[in-house]
């Protein structure tokens, strides 16, 4: 059964998770994690979302974001 469609709202805060397949390291070193954060900063400026918190581990990352009404898909 497919998951339910995401309910979109202008004032919602979302938990976003990015993960690799089968626990393969997604970020192999600190430089990879730094590059990911630089990309997040770049796209924050382009799409005007806010990041309230994040946690980056070797195989996955979590973010709490406010998308300011933008589509997060």
N, C-alpha and C. Protein backbone atom coordinates (compact mmCIF):
# COMPACT_ATOMS: atom_id res chain seq x y z
N UNK A 1 0.85 -1.18 0.00
CA UNK A 1 0.00 0.00 0.00
C UNK A 1 0.89 1.24 0.00
N UNK A 2 0.67 2.18 -0.91
CA UNK A 2 1.49 3.39 -0.95
C UNK A 2 1.20 4.29 0.25
N UNK A 3 2.16 5.13 0.56
CA UNK A 3 1.96 6.05 1.69
C UNK A 3 0.96 7.13 1.29
N UNK A 4 0.36 7.75 2.27
CA UNK A 4 -0.59 8.83 2.02
C UNK A 4 0.14 10.05 1.49
N UNK A 5 -0.55 10.82 0.68
CA UNK A 5 0.04 12.04 0.14
C UNK A 5 0.33 13.02 1.27
N UNK A 6 1.42 13.75 1.15
CA UNK A 6 1.80 14.74 2.15
C UNK A 6 0.79 15.88 2.14
N UNK A 7 0.36 16.29 3.31
CA UNK A 7 -0.53 17.45 3.44
C UNK A 7 0.36 18.68 3.42
N UNK A 8 0.13 19.57 2.46
CA UNK A 8 0.96 20.76 2.32
C UNK A 8 0.29 21.95 2.99
N UNK A 9 1.10 22.73 3.68
CA UNK A 9 0.58 23.88 4.40
C UNK A 9 1.64 24.97 4.39
N UNK A 10 1.21 26.21 4.31
CA UNK A 10 2.14 27.34 4.28
C UNK A 10 2.95 27.44 5.57
N UNK A 11 2.35 27.09 6.69
CA UNK A 11 3.02 27.30 7.97
C UNK A 11 3.47 26.01 8.66
N UNK A 12 3.69 24.95 7.90
CA UNK A 12 4.12 23.68 8.49
C UNK A 12 5.64 23.61 8.64
N UNK A 13 6.05 22.83 9.62
CA UNK A 13 7.46 22.51 9.84
C UNK A 13 7.61 21.02 9.57
N UNK A 14 8.65 20.64 8.83
CA UNK A 14 8.80 19.26 8.39
C UNK A 14 10.09 18.63 8.91
N UNK A 15 10.02 17.32 9.15
CA UNK A 15 11.21 16.52 9.43
C UNK A 15 11.60 15.87 8.10
N UNK A 16 12.80 16.18 7.62
CA UNK A 16 13.31 15.64 6.36
C UNK A 16 14.43 14.66 6.70
N UNK A 17 14.40 13.49 6.08
CA UNK A 17 15.47 12.52 6.28
C UNK A 17 16.03 12.11 4.93
N UNK A 18 17.35 12.11 4.84
CA UNK A 18 18.06 11.66 3.64
C UNK A 18 18.88 10.46 4.07
N UNK A 19 18.78 9.36 3.32
CA UNK A 19 19.56 8.19 3.72
C UNK A 19 20.09 7.44 2.51
N UNK A 20 21.11 6.65 2.76
CA UNK A 20 21.70 5.84 1.70
C UNK A 20 20.99 4.50 1.62
N UNK A 21 21.33 3.76 0.61
CA UNK A 21 20.76 2.42 0.43
C UNK A 21 21.59 1.43 1.22
N UNK A 22 20.94 0.59 1.97
CA UNK A 22 21.54 -0.51 2.73
C UNK A 22 22.73 -0.09 3.60
N UNK A 23 22.58 1.03 4.29
CA UNK A 23 23.59 1.51 5.24
C UNK A 23 24.98 1.73 4.64
N UNK A 24 25.04 2.00 3.36
CA UNK A 24 26.30 2.39 2.73
C UNK A 24 26.62 3.81 3.17
N UNK A 25 27.86 4.11 3.55
CA UNK A 25 28.17 5.48 3.98
C UNK A 25 27.83 6.50 2.89
N UNK A 26 27.02 7.46 3.26
CA UNK A 26 26.62 8.53 2.35
C UNK A 26 27.65 9.66 2.39
N UNK A 27 28.18 9.89 3.57
CA UNK A 27 29.21 10.90 3.79
C UNK A 27 30.44 10.15 4.29
N UNK A 28 31.48 10.09 3.49
CA UNK A 28 32.64 9.26 3.83
C UNK A 28 33.65 9.97 4.72
N UNK A 29 33.57 11.30 4.76
CA UNK A 29 34.51 12.05 5.60
C UNK A 29 33.87 13.39 5.97
N UNK A 30 34.52 14.12 6.83
CA UNK A 30 33.99 15.42 7.28
C UNK A 30 33.81 16.39 6.12
N UNK A 31 34.69 16.31 5.12
CA UNK A 31 34.58 17.21 3.96
C UNK A 31 33.27 16.97 3.21
N UNK A 32 32.81 15.71 3.14
CA UNK A 32 31.53 15.41 2.48
C UNK A 32 30.37 16.06 3.24
N UNK A 33 30.42 15.98 4.56
CA UNK A 33 29.37 16.59 5.39
C UNK A 33 29.40 18.11 5.24
N UNK A 34 30.59 18.69 5.20
CA UNK A 34 30.72 20.14 5.00
C UNK A 34 30.15 20.56 3.65
N UNK A 35 30.42 19.78 2.61
CA UNK A 35 29.89 20.08 1.27
C UNK A 35 28.37 20.03 1.28
N UNK A 36 27.81 19.04 1.95
CA UNK A 36 26.35 18.93 2.05
C UNK A 36 25.77 20.17 2.71
N UNK A 37 26.39 20.62 3.80
CA UNK A 37 25.91 21.82 4.49
C UNK A 37 26.05 23.07 3.61
N UNK A 38 27.11 23.15 2.82
CA UNK A 38 27.26 24.28 1.89
C UNK A 38 26.14 24.28 0.85
N UNK A 39 25.78 23.09 0.37
CA UNK A 39 24.67 22.99 -0.59
C UNK A 39 23.34 23.39 0.06
N UNK A 40 23.13 22.99 1.30
CA UNK A 40 21.92 23.40 2.01
C UNK A 40 21.88 24.92 2.12
N UNK A 41 22.99 25.54 2.49
CA UNK A 41 23.05 27.00 2.58
C UNK A 41 22.74 27.66 1.24
N UNK A 42 23.29 27.12 0.18
CA UNK A 42 23.04 27.66 -1.17
C UNK A 42 21.55 27.63 -1.49
N UNK A 43 20.91 26.49 -1.25
CA UNK A 43 19.51 26.34 -1.61
C UNK A 43 18.57 27.04 -0.63
N UNK A 44 19.02 27.26 0.60
CA UNK A 44 18.23 28.09 1.53
C UNK A 44 18.04 29.48 0.94
N UNK A 45 19.10 30.02 0.37
CA UNK A 45 19.02 31.35 -0.24
C UNK A 45 18.17 31.37 -1.49
N UNK A 46 18.18 30.28 -2.22
CA UNK A 46 17.42 30.21 -3.47
C UNK A 46 15.93 29.96 -3.23
N UNK A 47 15.60 29.11 -2.26
CA UNK A 47 14.20 28.71 -2.04
C UNK A 47 13.60 29.26 -0.75
N UNK A 48 14.37 30.01 0.03
CA UNK A 48 13.88 30.74 1.21
C UNK A 48 13.28 29.85 2.29
N UNK A 49 13.87 28.67 2.51
CA UNK A 49 13.41 27.85 3.63
C UNK A 49 14.33 28.07 4.82
N UNK A 50 13.85 27.70 6.00
CA UNK A 50 14.63 27.85 7.23
C UNK A 50 14.98 26.46 7.76
N UNK A 51 16.18 26.32 8.28
CA UNK A 51 16.60 25.07 8.92
C UNK A 51 16.67 25.35 10.42
N UNK A 52 15.84 24.66 11.19
CA UNK A 52 15.82 24.85 12.64
C UNK A 52 16.81 23.93 13.34
N UNK A 53 17.03 22.76 12.79
CA UNK A 53 17.96 21.80 13.40
C UNK A 53 18.38 20.79 12.34
N UNK A 54 19.56 20.22 12.54
CA UNK A 54 20.00 19.15 11.65
C UNK A 54 20.95 18.23 12.40
N UNK A 55 21.05 17.01 11.90
CA UNK A 55 21.98 16.02 12.43
C UNK A 55 22.48 15.21 11.24
N UNK A 56 23.78 15.22 11.03
CA UNK A 56 24.36 14.49 9.90
C UNK A 56 25.21 13.35 10.44
N UNK A 57 24.86 12.14 10.03
CA UNK A 57 25.62 10.95 10.39
C UNK A 57 26.20 10.34 9.12
N UNK A 58 27.01 9.31 9.23
CA UNK A 58 27.67 8.75 8.05
C UNK A 58 26.69 8.20 7.01
N UNK A 59 25.60 7.58 7.47
CA UNK A 59 24.68 6.92 6.53
C UNK A 59 23.39 7.69 6.26
N UNK A 60 23.14 8.74 7.04
CA UNK A 60 21.91 9.51 6.82
C UNK A 60 21.98 10.87 7.51
N UNK A 61 20.99 11.71 7.19
CA UNK A 61 20.91 13.04 7.78
C UNK A 61 19.46 13.37 8.08
N UNK A 62 19.24 14.16 9.12
CA UNK A 62 17.91 14.64 9.50
C UNK A 62 17.93 16.16 9.50
N UNK A 63 16.81 16.76 9.10
CA UNK A 63 16.65 18.22 9.18
C UNK A 63 15.23 18.54 9.61
N UNK A 64 15.11 19.57 10.40
CA UNK A 64 13.81 20.14 10.73
C UNK A 64 13.76 21.47 9.98
N UNK A 65 12.83 21.58 9.02
CA UNK A 65 12.79 22.78 8.19
C UNK A 65 11.40 23.40 8.17
N UNK A 66 11.39 24.70 7.93
CA UNK A 66 10.18 25.47 7.65
C UNK A 66 10.31 25.88 6.20
N UNK A 67 9.44 25.38 5.34
CA UNK A 67 9.59 25.61 3.90
C UNK A 67 8.96 26.92 3.44
N UNK A 68 8.35 27.68 4.35
CA UNK A 68 7.74 28.98 4.00
C UNK A 68 6.79 28.89 2.82
N UNK A 69 6.02 27.81 2.77
CA UNK A 69 5.02 27.65 1.73
C UNK A 69 5.52 27.04 0.44
N UNK A 70 6.83 26.81 0.32
CA UNK A 70 7.38 26.22 -0.90
C UNK A 70 7.10 24.72 -0.93
N UNK A 71 7.12 24.14 -2.11
CA UNK A 71 6.93 22.70 -2.28
C UNK A 71 8.24 22.00 -1.92
N UNK A 72 8.22 21.05 -1.01
CA UNK A 72 9.45 20.37 -0.60
C UNK A 72 9.70 19.08 -1.37
N UNK A 73 8.83 18.72 -2.28
CA UNK A 73 9.01 17.47 -3.03
C UNK A 73 10.06 17.61 -4.10
